[in-house]
């Protein structure tokens, strides 16, 4: 059985528009075919321009990259949940590392809210703004000259100890006030219960 020949839709449109069935003699279009075209006229053709094809190709590539990035984020979040890694419980003493993290946060803020960025990396808003202030005042390296810019301000170690006491299971039966008095009595942290409550809210500490 002979194979049916097909023609570009623009050939049919040109023949119909000109009314000349022999407009493309080099193609040897059968007279029966040209008569049918002239009788029925041009057909509506749905297609894409070169720009549209390029955009669709780029869209497919970007969708693939998006799926890969989404899975990378899910893996990192799963690792974070399993390992319990949180920057509010971990000391980051080197200023260069803090600067690198702050620049990464700035880039991420261009496409997502700051709250979401800090949640992903486990950094509290209070500590983030503290790093911003330290960067302009005395640098980001942990130094005694900058640890207490205001009298009575808790040091990093005192805040870390408070977090351990609040989130630990050993003292879960104590109220916040009782926990603050216990920390003073055992000479671990000297802070008012109001300060304990403020840090608990700011850092999102959860009692067991």
N, C-alpha and C. Protein backbone atom coordinates (compact mmCIF):
# COMPACT_ATOMS: atom_id res chain seq x y z
N UNK A 1 0.86 -1.19 0.00
CA UNK A 1 0.00 0.00 0.00
C UNK A 1 0.89 1.24 0.00
N UNK A 2 0.70 2.15 -0.98
CA UNK A 2 1.57 3.33 -1.04
C UNK A 2 1.37 4.22 0.18
N UNK A 3 2.45 4.82 0.61
CA UNK A 3 2.39 5.70 1.78
C UNK A 3 1.77 7.04 1.42
N UNK A 4 0.90 7.51 2.25
CA UNK A 4 0.22 8.77 2.00
C UNK A 4 1.17 9.92 2.24
N UNK A 5 1.23 10.85 1.27
CA UNK A 5 2.14 11.98 1.38
C UNK A 5 1.49 13.08 2.21
N UNK A 6 2.31 13.75 2.98
CA UNK A 6 1.82 14.88 3.77
C UNK A 6 2.59 16.13 3.36
N UNK A 7 1.94 17.28 3.53
CA UNK A 7 2.53 18.54 3.12
C UNK A 7 2.44 19.55 4.27
N UNK A 8 3.38 20.45 4.28
CA UNK A 8 3.37 21.52 5.27
C UNK A 8 2.11 22.36 5.09
N UNK A 9 1.50 22.76 6.21
CA UNK A 9 0.24 23.50 6.13
C UNK A 9 0.40 24.83 5.40
N UNK A 10 1.64 25.37 5.39
CA UNK A 10 1.85 26.65 4.70
C UNK A 10 1.76 26.51 3.18
N UNK A 11 2.06 25.29 2.65
CA UNK A 11 1.91 25.05 1.21
C UNK A 11 0.44 25.12 0.82
N UNK A 12 -0.41 24.47 1.62
CA UNK A 12 -1.85 24.49 1.34
C UNK A 12 -2.38 25.92 1.44
N UNK A 13 -1.94 26.67 2.44
CA UNK A 13 -2.42 28.03 2.62
C UNK A 13 -2.03 28.91 1.42
N UNK A 14 -0.79 28.71 0.91
CA UNK A 14 -0.33 29.53 -0.23
C UNK A 14 -1.13 29.22 -1.49
N UNK A 15 -1.40 27.93 -1.73
CA UNK A 15 -2.17 27.55 -2.93
C UNK A 15 -3.59 28.07 -2.84
N UNK A 16 -4.21 27.94 -1.65
CA UNK A 16 -5.58 28.44 -1.49
C UNK A 16 -5.63 29.95 -1.65
N UNK A 17 -4.64 30.65 -1.08
CA UNK A 17 -4.62 32.11 -1.15
C UNK A 17 -4.41 32.60 -2.58
N UNK A 18 -3.57 31.87 -3.34
CA UNK A 18 -3.27 32.30 -4.72
C UNK A 18 -4.30 31.79 -5.73
N UNK A 19 -4.97 30.68 -5.41
CA UNK A 19 -5.91 30.06 -6.33
C UNK A 19 -5.23 29.32 -7.45
N UNK A 20 -3.90 29.13 -7.37
CA UNK A 20 -3.13 28.47 -8.41
C UNK A 20 -2.74 27.08 -7.92
N UNK A 21 -3.30 26.00 -8.52
CA UNK A 21 -2.97 24.64 -8.08
C UNK A 21 -1.55 24.22 -8.43
N UNK A 22 -0.90 24.95 -9.36
CA UNK A 22 0.47 24.60 -9.78
C UNK A 22 1.49 25.60 -9.23
N UNK A 23 1.21 26.11 -8.05
CA UNK A 23 2.10 27.13 -7.47
C UNK A 23 3.47 26.54 -7.12
N UNK A 24 3.51 25.24 -6.76
CA UNK A 24 4.78 24.58 -6.39
C UNK A 24 4.99 23.35 -7.28
N UNK A 25 5.34 23.55 -8.53
CA UNK A 25 5.48 22.40 -9.45
C UNK A 25 6.57 21.44 -9.03
N UNK A 26 7.61 21.93 -8.35
CA UNK A 26 8.70 21.06 -7.96
C UNK A 26 8.25 20.01 -6.95
N UNK A 27 7.15 20.27 -6.26
CA UNK A 27 6.66 19.34 -5.25
C UNK A 27 5.80 18.23 -5.84
N UNK A 28 5.37 18.39 -7.06
CA UNK A 28 4.52 17.37 -7.71
C UNK A 28 3.29 17.02 -6.89
N UNK A 29 2.61 18.05 -6.41
CA UNK A 29 1.40 17.81 -5.64
C UNK A 29 0.31 17.28 -6.57
N UNK A 30 -0.32 16.16 -6.29
CA UNK A 30 -1.36 15.61 -7.18
C UNK A 30 -2.50 16.60 -7.39
N UNK A 31 -3.03 16.67 -8.63
CA UNK A 31 -4.14 17.59 -8.91
C UNK A 31 -5.35 17.34 -8.01
N UNK A 32 -5.61 16.08 -7.70
CA UNK A 32 -6.77 15.79 -6.84
C UNK A 32 -6.61 16.44 -5.47
N UNK A 33 -5.35 16.47 -4.99
CA UNK A 33 -5.09 17.08 -3.69
C UNK A 33 -5.28 18.59 -3.73
N UNK A 34 -4.74 19.25 -4.79
CA UNK A 34 -4.88 20.70 -4.89
C UNK A 34 -6.34 21.10 -5.10
N UNK A 35 -7.11 20.25 -5.85
CA UNK A 35 -8.53 20.56 -6.04
C UNK A 35 -9.27 20.50 -4.71
N UNK A 36 -8.93 19.50 -3.90
CA UNK A 36 -9.56 19.39 -2.59
C UNK A 36 -9.23 20.60 -1.73
N UNK A 37 -7.94 21.04 -1.77
CA UNK A 37 -7.54 22.21 -0.99
C UNK A 37 -8.31 23.46 -1.42
N UNK A 38 -8.41 23.64 -2.76
CA UNK A 38 -9.11 24.81 -3.26
C UNK A 38 -10.60 24.78 -2.94
N UNK A 39 -11.15 23.59 -2.90
CA UNK A 39 -12.57 23.44 -2.62
C UNK A 39 -12.89 23.68 -1.14
N UNK A 40 -12.05 23.09 -0.27
CA UNK A 40 -12.34 23.17 1.17
C UNK A 40 -11.67 24.36 1.85
N UNK A 41 -10.68 24.95 1.17
CA UNK A 41 -10.01 26.10 1.76
C UNK A 41 -8.96 25.69 2.79
N UNK A 42 -8.36 26.71 3.41
CA UNK A 42 -7.30 26.46 4.41
C UNK A 42 -7.91 25.95 5.71
N UNK A 43 -7.12 25.15 6.43
CA UNK A 43 -7.54 24.64 7.72
C UNK A 43 -6.86 25.42 8.83
N UNK A 44 -7.58 25.57 9.95
CA UNK A 44 -6.98 26.24 11.11
C UNK A 44 -5.87 25.36 11.67
N UNK A 45 -4.72 25.94 11.87
CA UNK A 45 -3.55 25.20 12.36
C UNK A 45 -3.15 25.75 13.71
N UNK A 46 -3.01 24.84 14.67
CA UNK A 46 -2.55 25.21 16.01
C UNK A 46 -1.09 24.78 16.14
N UNK A 47 -0.23 25.72 16.42
CA UNK A 47 1.20 25.40 16.54
C UNK A 47 1.89 26.37 17.47
N UNK A 48 3.20 26.27 17.53
CA UNK A 48 4.00 27.10 18.40
C UNK A 48 5.09 27.77 17.59
N UNK A 49 5.37 29.00 17.95
CA UNK A 49 6.48 29.71 17.33
C UNK A 49 7.79 29.20 17.92
N UNK A 50 8.90 29.61 17.28
CA UNK A 50 10.21 29.18 17.79
C UNK A 50 10.44 29.68 19.21
N UNK A 51 9.99 30.92 19.49
CA UNK A 51 10.15 31.46 20.85
C UNK A 51 9.35 30.65 21.87
N UNK A 52 8.13 30.25 21.47
CA UNK A 52 7.31 29.46 22.38
C UNK A 52 7.93 28.10 22.64
N UNK A 53 8.49 27.48 21.62
CA UNK A 53 9.13 26.18 21.79
C UNK A 53 10.34 26.31 22.71
N UNK A 54 11.14 27.39 22.54
CA UNK A 54 12.30 27.60 23.40
C UNK A 54 11.87 27.81 24.85
N UNK A 55 10.79 28.57 25.05
CA UNK A 55 10.30 28.81 26.41
C UNK A 55 9.79 27.53 27.06
N UNK A 56 9.08 26.71 26.28
CA UNK A 56 8.57 25.46 26.83
C UNK A 56 9.72 24.50 27.17
N UNK A 57 10.75 24.49 26.35
CA UNK A 57 11.92 23.66 26.65
C UNK A 57 12.60 24.13 27.93
N UNK A 58 12.73 25.44 28.07
CA UNK A 58 13.33 25.98 29.29
C UNK A 58 12.47 25.69 30.51
N UNK A 59 11.16 25.75 30.35
CA UNK A 59 10.24 25.47 31.45
C UNK A 59 10.40 24.04 31.94
N UNK A 60 10.50 23.09 31.01
CA UNK A 60 10.69 21.69 31.39
C UNK A 60 11.98 21.51 32.17
N UNK A 61 13.06 22.18 31.71
CA UNK A 61 14.34 22.08 32.40
C UNK A 61 14.28 22.69 33.80
N UNK A 62 13.61 23.83 33.93
CA UNK A 62 13.50 24.48 35.24
C UNK A 62 12.62 23.67 36.20
N UNK A 63 11.57 23.05 35.67
CA UNK A 63 10.73 22.20 36.51
C UNK A 63 11.52 21.01 37.06
N UNK A 64 12.40 20.45 36.22
CA UNK A 64 13.24 19.35 36.68
C UNK A 64 14.20 19.81 37.77
N UNK A 65 14.82 20.99 37.58
CA UNK A 65 15.72 21.53 38.60
C UNK A 65 14.96 21.82 39.89
N UNK A 66 13.73 22.30 39.77
CA UNK A 66 12.92 22.59 40.95
C UNK A 66 12.62 21.33 41.74
N UNK A 67 12.31 20.23 41.03
CA UNK A 67 12.04 18.97 41.72
C UNK A 67 13.29 18.48 42.46
N UNK A 68 14.46 18.64 41.84
CA UNK A 68 15.70 18.23 42.49
C UNK A 68 15.95 19.06 43.74
N UNK A 69 15.79 20.39 43.64
CA UNK A 69 16.02 21.28 44.78
C UNK A 69 15.02 21.00 45.90
N UNK A 70 13.78 20.67 45.53
CA UNK A 70 12.78 20.36 46.55
C UNK A 70 13.17 19.12 47.33
N UNK A 71 13.68 18.12 46.64
CA UNK A 71 14.10 16.91 47.33
C UNK A 71 15.33 17.16 48.20
N UNK A 72 16.24 18.04 47.75
CA UNK A 72 17.41 18.37 48.57
C UNK A 72 16.97 19.04 49.87
N UNK A 73 16.03 19.96 49.78
CA UNK A 73 15.52 20.64 50.98
C UNK A 73 14.85 19.64 51.91
N UNK A 74 14.08 18.71 51.35
CA UNK A 74 13.43 17.70 52.20
C UNK A 74 14.45 16.82 52.90
N UNK A 75 15.52 16.47 52.20
CA UNK A 75 16.58 15.67 52.83
C UNK A 75 17.25 16.44 53.96
N UNK A 76 17.54 17.72 53.73
CA UNK A 76 18.19 18.53 54.76
C UNK A 76 17.29 18.70 55.98
N UNK A 77 16.00 18.92 55.74
CA UNK A 77 15.07 19.07 56.87
C UNK A 77 14.93 17.76 57.64
N UNK A 78 14.91 16.63 56.93
CA UNK A 78 14.84 15.34 57.61
C UNK A 78 16.09 15.11 58.45
N UNK A 79 17.25 15.44 57.89
CA UNK A 79 18.50 15.30 58.65
C UNK A 79 18.49 16.20 59.88
N UNK A 80 17.96 17.40 59.73
CA UNK A 80 17.90 18.34 60.85
C UNK A 80 17.01 17.79 61.97
N UNK A 81 15.86 17.22 61.60
CA UNK A 81 14.96 16.66 62.62
C UNK A 81 15.60 15.48 63.33
N UNK A 82 16.27 14.63 62.57
CA UNK A 82 16.87 13.43 63.17
C UNK A 82 18.06 13.79 64.05
N UNK A 83 18.91 14.69 63.58
CA UNK A 83 20.13 15.03 64.32
C UNK A 83 19.87 16.01 65.44
N UNK A 84 18.73 16.74 65.38
CA UNK A 84 18.45 17.74 66.40
C UNK A 84 19.34 18.96 66.29
N UNK A 85 19.93 19.19 65.12
CA UNK A 85 20.84 20.32 64.95
C UNK A 85 20.07 21.63 64.95
N UNK A 86 20.47 22.52 65.86
CA UNK A 86 19.88 23.86 65.96
C UNK A 86 20.97 24.83 66.34
N UNK A 87 21.01 25.96 65.63
CA UNK A 87 22.05 26.94 65.90
C UNK A 87 21.84 27.68 67.20
N UNK A 88 20.61 27.67 67.76
CA UNK A 88 20.41 28.35 69.03
C UNK A 88 20.96 27.54 70.20
N UNK A 89 21.32 26.27 69.97
CA UNK A 89 21.94 25.44 71.00
C UNK A 89 23.40 25.14 70.70
N UNK A 90 23.93 25.73 69.65
CA UNK A 90 25.29 25.44 69.24
C UNK A 90 26.07 26.73 69.12
N UNK A 91 27.28 26.72 69.67
CA UNK A 91 28.11 27.92 69.63
C UNK A 91 28.85 28.00 68.31
N UNK A 92 28.75 29.16 67.69
CA UNK A 92 29.46 29.42 66.44
C UNK A 92 30.37 30.61 66.70
N UNK A 93 31.62 30.31 67.09
CA UNK A 93 32.51 31.35 67.61
C UNK A 93 33.24 32.13 66.52
N UNK A 94 33.49 31.52 65.36
CA UNK A 94 34.29 32.18 64.34
C UNK A 94 33.45 33.18 63.56
N UNK A 95 33.97 34.42 63.51
CA UNK A 95 33.24 35.47 62.81
C UNK A 95 33.07 35.21 61.34
N UNK A 96 34.06 34.59 60.69
CA UNK A 96 33.98 34.32 59.26
C UNK A 96 32.81 33.39 58.94
N UNK A 97 32.57 32.40 59.80
CA UNK A 97 31.46 31.47 59.58
C UNK A 97 30.13 32.19 59.74
N UNK A 98 30.07 33.10 60.71
CA UNK A 98 28.83 33.86 60.90
C UNK A 98 28.56 34.75 59.70
N UNK A 99 29.61 35.38 59.17
CA UNK A 99 29.44 36.24 58.00
C UNK A 99 28.94 35.43 56.80
N UNK A 100 29.51 34.24 56.63
CA UNK A 100 29.07 33.39 55.52
C UNK A 100 27.59 33.04 55.66
N UNK A 101 27.17 32.72 56.89
CA UNK A 101 25.77 32.38 57.12
C UNK A 101 24.87 33.59 56.93
N UNK A 102 25.31 34.76 57.38
CA UNK A 102 24.50 35.97 57.21
C UNK A 102 24.33 36.32 55.75
N UNK A 103 25.39 36.16 54.94
CA UNK A 103 25.27 36.45 53.52
C UNK A 103 24.32 35.46 52.85
N UNK A 104 24.38 34.19 53.27
CA UNK A 104 23.45 33.18 52.72
C UNK A 104 22.01 33.53 53.09
N UNK A 105 21.80 34.02 54.32
CA UNK A 105 20.46 34.42 54.75
C UNK A 105 19.97 35.59 53.91
N UNK A 106 20.86 36.56 53.64
CA UNK A 106 20.47 37.72 52.81
C UNK A 106 20.03 37.28 51.42
N UNK A 107 20.77 36.31 50.83
CA UNK A 107 20.39 35.84 49.50
C UNK A 107 19.04 35.12 49.54
N UNK A 108 18.82 34.31 50.58
CA UNK A 108 17.56 33.56 50.68
C UNK A 108 16.38 34.50 50.93
N UNK A 109 16.62 35.61 51.63
CA UNK A 109 15.53 36.55 51.93
C UNK A 109 14.98 37.22 50.68
N UNK A 110 15.74 37.18 49.60
CA UNK A 110 15.28 37.79 48.35
C UNK A 110 14.09 37.03 47.75
N UNK A 111 13.94 35.75 48.12
CA UNK A 111 12.86 34.95 47.52
C UNK A 111 11.95 34.31 48.56
N UNK A 112 12.24 34.46 49.86
CA UNK A 112 11.38 33.87 50.88
C UNK A 112 11.45 34.70 52.16
N UNK A 113 10.43 34.62 53.03
CA UNK A 113 10.40 35.43 54.25
C UNK A 113 11.54 35.06 55.20
N UNK A 114 11.97 36.05 55.99
CA UNK A 114 13.05 35.82 56.96
C UNK A 114 12.66 34.74 57.97
N UNK A 115 11.41 34.74 58.39
CA UNK A 115 10.95 33.75 59.37
C UNK A 115 11.16 32.33 58.86
N UNK A 116 10.85 32.09 57.57
CA UNK A 116 11.03 30.76 56.99
C UNK A 116 12.50 30.40 56.89
N UNK A 117 13.34 31.38 56.52
CA UNK A 117 14.78 31.12 56.40
C UNK A 117 15.37 30.71 57.75
N UNK A 118 15.04 31.47 58.79
CA UNK A 118 15.58 31.17 60.12
C UNK A 118 15.06 29.84 60.64
N UNK A 119 13.82 29.51 60.30
CA UNK A 119 13.26 28.22 60.74
C UNK A 119 14.01 27.05 60.11
N UNK A 120 14.37 27.19 58.83
CA UNK A 120 15.05 26.10 58.13
C UNK A 120 16.40 25.81 58.75
N UNK A 121 17.16 26.86 59.10
CA UNK A 121 18.51 26.65 59.63
C UNK A 121 18.52 26.54 61.15
N UNK A 122 17.37 26.73 61.81
CA UNK A 122 17.31 26.58 63.25
C UNK A 122 17.95 27.74 64.00
N UNK A 123 17.83 28.95 63.47
CA UNK A 123 18.41 30.14 64.11
C UNK A 123 17.28 31.03 64.58
N UNK A 124 17.33 31.48 65.84
CA UNK A 124 16.27 32.34 66.36
C UNK A 124 16.41 33.75 65.82
N UNK A 125 15.30 34.45 65.79
CA UNK A 125 15.31 35.83 65.30
C UNK A 125 16.17 36.72 66.19
N UNK A 126 16.10 36.48 67.53
CA UNK A 126 16.90 37.28 68.44
C UNK A 126 18.39 37.12 68.20
N UNK A 127 18.83 35.88 67.98
CA UNK A 127 20.26 35.65 67.75
C UNK A 127 20.68 36.21 66.40
N UNK A 128 19.81 36.12 65.41
CA UNK A 128 20.12 36.67 64.10
C UNK A 128 20.37 38.18 64.19
N UNK A 129 19.44 38.89 64.84
CA UNK A 129 19.60 40.34 64.96
C UNK A 129 20.80 40.69 65.85
N UNK A 130 21.10 39.84 66.81
CA UNK A 130 22.29 40.06 67.63
C UNK A 130 23.55 40.00 66.77
N UNK A 131 23.61 39.05 65.87
CA UNK A 131 24.76 38.94 64.96
C UNK A 131 24.84 40.17 64.05
N UNK A 132 23.70 40.65 63.57
CA UNK A 132 23.69 41.83 62.71
C UNK A 132 24.27 43.03 63.47
N UNK A 133 23.84 43.21 64.72
CA UNK A 133 24.33 44.33 65.52
C UNK A 133 25.82 44.18 65.81
N UNK A 134 26.25 42.98 66.14
CA UNK A 134 27.65 42.74 66.46
C UNK A 134 28.55 42.99 65.24
N UNK A 135 28.04 42.67 64.05
CA UNK A 135 28.84 42.85 62.84
C UNK A 135 29.20 44.33 62.65
N UNK A 136 28.29 45.22 63.03
CA UNK A 136 28.53 46.65 62.85
C UNK A 136 29.26 47.27 64.04
N UNK A 137 29.14 46.66 65.23
CA UNK A 137 29.71 47.27 66.43
C UNK A 137 31.13 46.79 66.71
N UNK A 138 31.33 45.49 66.83
CA UNK A 138 32.64 45.00 67.25
C UNK A 138 33.04 43.71 66.57
N UNK A 139 32.43 43.38 65.46
CA UNK A 139 32.80 42.15 64.76
C UNK A 139 32.01 40.96 65.28
N UNK A 140 32.11 39.86 64.55
CA UNK A 140 31.31 38.68 64.86
C UNK A 140 32.05 37.63 65.67
N UNK A 141 33.37 37.77 65.84
CA UNK A 141 34.09 36.80 66.66
C UNK A 141 33.65 36.93 68.11
N UNK A 142 33.53 35.77 68.80
CA UNK A 142 33.16 35.79 70.21
C UNK A 142 34.32 36.32 71.03
N UNK A 143 34.15 37.54 71.57
CA UNK A 143 35.20 38.15 72.37
C UNK A 143 34.58 38.70 73.65
N UNK A 144 35.31 38.66 74.77
CA UNK A 144 34.78 39.17 76.03
C UNK A 144 34.36 40.63 75.95
N UNK A 145 35.07 41.42 75.12
CA UNK A 145 34.75 42.84 75.04
C UNK A 145 33.39 43.10 74.42
N UNK A 146 32.87 42.11 73.72
CA UNK A 146 31.59 42.30 73.05
C UNK A 146 30.52 41.36 73.59
N UNK A 147 30.88 40.48 74.52
CA UNK A 147 29.91 39.51 75.04
C UNK A 147 28.83 40.18 75.85
N UNK A 148 29.21 41.28 76.58
CA UNK A 148 28.24 41.98 77.41
C UNK A 148 28.26 43.47 77.06
N UNK A 149 27.53 43.83 76.05
CA UNK A 149 27.49 45.23 75.67
C UNK A 149 26.62 46.03 76.61
N UNK A 150 25.71 45.36 77.34
CA UNK A 150 24.86 46.03 78.30
C UNK A 150 25.04 45.34 79.65
N UNK A 151 25.08 46.09 80.74
CA UNK A 151 25.23 45.48 82.07
C UNK A 151 24.12 44.48 82.34
N UNK A 152 24.50 43.34 82.89
CA UNK A 152 23.51 42.33 83.23
C UNK A 152 23.07 41.46 82.08
N UNK A 153 23.61 41.69 80.90
CA UNK A 153 23.22 40.86 79.75
C UNK A 153 23.80 39.47 79.89
N UNK A 154 22.98 38.47 79.59
CA UNK A 154 23.42 37.08 79.70
C UNK A 154 24.47 36.77 78.64
N UNK A 155 25.46 35.99 79.02
CA UNK A 155 26.46 35.53 78.06
C UNK A 155 25.88 34.37 77.26
N UNK A 156 26.61 33.96 76.21
CA UNK A 156 26.15 32.84 75.39
C UNK A 156 26.06 31.57 76.23
N UNK A 157 27.05 31.34 77.08
CA UNK A 157 27.08 30.11 77.88
C UNK A 157 25.92 30.09 78.86
N UNK A 158 25.59 31.25 79.45
CA UNK A 158 24.46 31.30 80.38
C UNK A 158 23.15 31.01 79.65
N UNK A 159 23.00 31.60 78.46
CA UNK A 159 21.79 31.34 77.68
C UNK A 159 21.72 29.88 77.26
N UNK A 160 22.85 29.30 76.89
CA UNK A 160 22.86 27.88 76.51
C UNK A 160 22.48 27.00 77.70
N UNK A 161 22.99 27.36 78.88
CA UNK A 161 22.66 26.57 80.08
C UNK A 161 21.18 26.67 80.40
N UNK A 162 20.62 27.87 80.23
CA UNK A 162 19.19 28.03 80.45
C UNK A 162 18.39 27.15 79.49
N UNK A 163 18.83 27.12 78.23
CA UNK A 163 18.13 26.27 77.27
C UNK A 163 18.19 24.80 77.64
N UNK A 164 19.35 24.36 78.12
CA UNK A 164 19.48 22.96 78.54
C UNK A 164 18.55 22.65 79.71
N UNK A 165 18.45 23.58 80.67
CA UNK A 165 17.59 23.35 81.83
C UNK A 165 16.11 23.35 81.45
N UNK A 166 15.74 24.23 80.52
CA UNK A 166 14.33 24.34 80.13
C UNK A 166 13.90 23.13 79.32
N UNK A 167 14.73 22.69 78.37
CA UNK A 167 14.34 21.61 77.46
C UNK A 167 14.70 20.23 77.98
N UNK A 168 15.50 20.15 79.03
CA UNK A 168 15.89 18.85 79.57
C UNK A 168 14.75 18.19 80.33
N UNK A 169 14.84 16.89 80.49
CA UNK A 169 13.77 16.13 81.18
C UNK A 169 13.99 16.04 82.68
N UNK A 170 15.19 16.35 83.15
CA UNK A 170 15.51 16.17 84.57
C UNK A 170 14.70 17.10 85.47
N UNK A 171 14.41 18.31 84.97
CA UNK A 171 13.72 19.30 85.80
C UNK A 171 12.37 19.68 85.21
N UNK A 172 11.74 18.76 84.49
CA UNK A 172 10.49 19.09 83.82
C UNK A 172 9.34 19.30 84.80
N UNK A 173 9.49 18.83 86.05
CA UNK A 173 8.44 19.00 87.04
C UNK A 173 8.44 20.40 87.65
N UNK A 174 9.50 21.17 87.41
CA UNK A 174 9.61 22.50 88.01
C UNK A 174 8.92 23.55 87.13
N UNK A 175 8.34 24.54 87.79
CA UNK A 175 7.83 25.70 87.05
C UNK A 175 9.01 26.56 86.62
N UNK A 176 8.75 27.54 85.77
CA UNK A 176 9.82 28.42 85.32
C UNK A 176 10.42 29.19 86.48
N UNK A 177 9.58 29.66 87.39
CA UNK A 177 10.09 30.40 88.55
C UNK A 177 10.95 29.49 89.42
N UNK A 178 10.47 28.27 89.65
CA UNK A 178 11.25 27.33 90.47
C UNK A 178 12.56 26.97 89.77
N UNK A 179 12.52 26.87 88.44
CA UNK A 179 13.72 26.55 87.69
C UNK A 179 14.74 27.69 87.78
N UNK A 180 14.25 28.94 87.72
CA UNK A 180 15.14 30.09 87.84
C UNK A 180 15.80 30.13 89.22
N UNK A 181 15.02 29.86 90.27
CA UNK A 181 15.58 29.84 91.63
C UNK A 181 16.57 28.69 91.81
N UNK A 182 16.26 27.56 91.22
CA UNK A 182 17.17 26.42 91.30
C UNK A 182 18.50 26.74 90.62
N UNK A 183 18.44 27.40 89.44
CA UNK A 183 19.68 27.76 88.73
C UNK A 183 20.51 28.74 89.53
N UNK A 184 19.85 29.66 90.25
CA UNK A 184 20.59 30.59 91.10
C UNK A 184 21.20 29.87 92.31
N UNK A 185 20.43 28.99 92.90
CA UNK A 185 20.90 28.27 94.10
C UNK A 185 22.09 27.37 93.77
N UNK A 186 22.08 26.78 92.58
CA UNK A 186 23.20 25.91 92.17
C UNK A 186 24.30 26.68 91.45
N UNK A 187 24.16 28.02 91.40
CA UNK A 187 25.18 28.91 90.82
C UNK A 187 25.45 28.59 89.33
N UNK A 188 24.38 28.27 88.63
CA UNK A 188 24.51 28.01 87.19
C UNK A 188 24.17 29.25 86.37
N UNK A 189 23.01 29.85 86.66
CA UNK A 189 22.56 31.05 85.95
C UNK A 189 21.90 31.98 86.96
N UNK A 190 22.29 33.25 86.94
CA UNK A 190 21.67 34.25 87.80
C UNK A 190 20.83 35.18 86.92
N UNK A 191 19.55 34.86 86.81
CA UNK A 191 18.64 35.64 85.98
C UNK A 191 17.25 35.61 86.59
N UNK A 192 16.52 36.70 86.42
CA UNK A 192 15.16 36.82 86.95
C UNK A 192 14.22 35.89 86.18
N UNK A 193 13.19 35.35 86.83
CA UNK A 193 12.24 34.49 86.12
C UNK A 193 11.62 35.16 84.90
N UNK A 194 11.45 36.50 84.93
CA UNK A 194 10.92 37.21 83.77
C UNK A 194 11.87 37.07 82.58
N UNK A 195 13.19 37.12 82.87
CA UNK A 195 14.18 36.93 81.81
C UNK A 195 14.09 35.52 81.23
N UNK A 196 13.87 34.55 82.10
CA UNK A 196 13.71 33.17 81.63
C UNK A 196 12.52 33.07 80.68
N UNK A 197 11.40 33.67 81.09
CA UNK A 197 10.21 33.61 80.24
C UNK A 197 10.42 34.29 78.90
N UNK A 198 11.15 35.43 78.91
CA UNK A 198 11.39 36.14 77.66
C UNK A 198 12.24 35.30 76.69
N UNK A 199 13.31 34.68 77.21
CA UNK A 199 14.16 33.87 76.36
C UNK A 199 13.44 32.63 75.85
N UNK A 200 12.59 32.06 76.68
CA UNK A 200 11.82 30.88 76.26
C UNK A 200 10.94 31.24 75.07
N UNK A 201 10.31 32.42 75.12
CA UNK A 201 9.45 32.85 74.00
C UNK A 201 10.28 33.19 72.78
N UNK A 202 11.37 33.92 72.97
CA UNK A 202 12.20 34.35 71.82
C UNK A 202 12.83 33.17 71.10
N UNK A 203 13.29 32.18 71.84
CA UNK A 203 14.04 31.08 71.24
C UNK A 203 13.19 29.83 70.97
N UNK A 204 11.92 29.90 71.35
CA UNK A 204 11.05 28.79 71.03
C UNK A 204 11.37 27.51 71.78
N UNK A 205 11.93 27.64 72.97
CA UNK A 205 12.25 26.44 73.75
C UNK A 205 10.97 25.75 74.19
N UNK A 206 10.91 24.46 74.07
CA UNK A 206 9.74 23.68 74.47
C UNK A 206 10.09 22.77 75.64
N UNK A 207 9.28 22.82 76.65
CA UNK A 207 9.51 21.96 77.80
C UNK A 207 8.98 20.55 77.53
N UNK A 208 9.68 19.54 78.01
CA UNK A 208 9.20 18.16 77.77
C UNK A 208 7.91 17.87 78.50
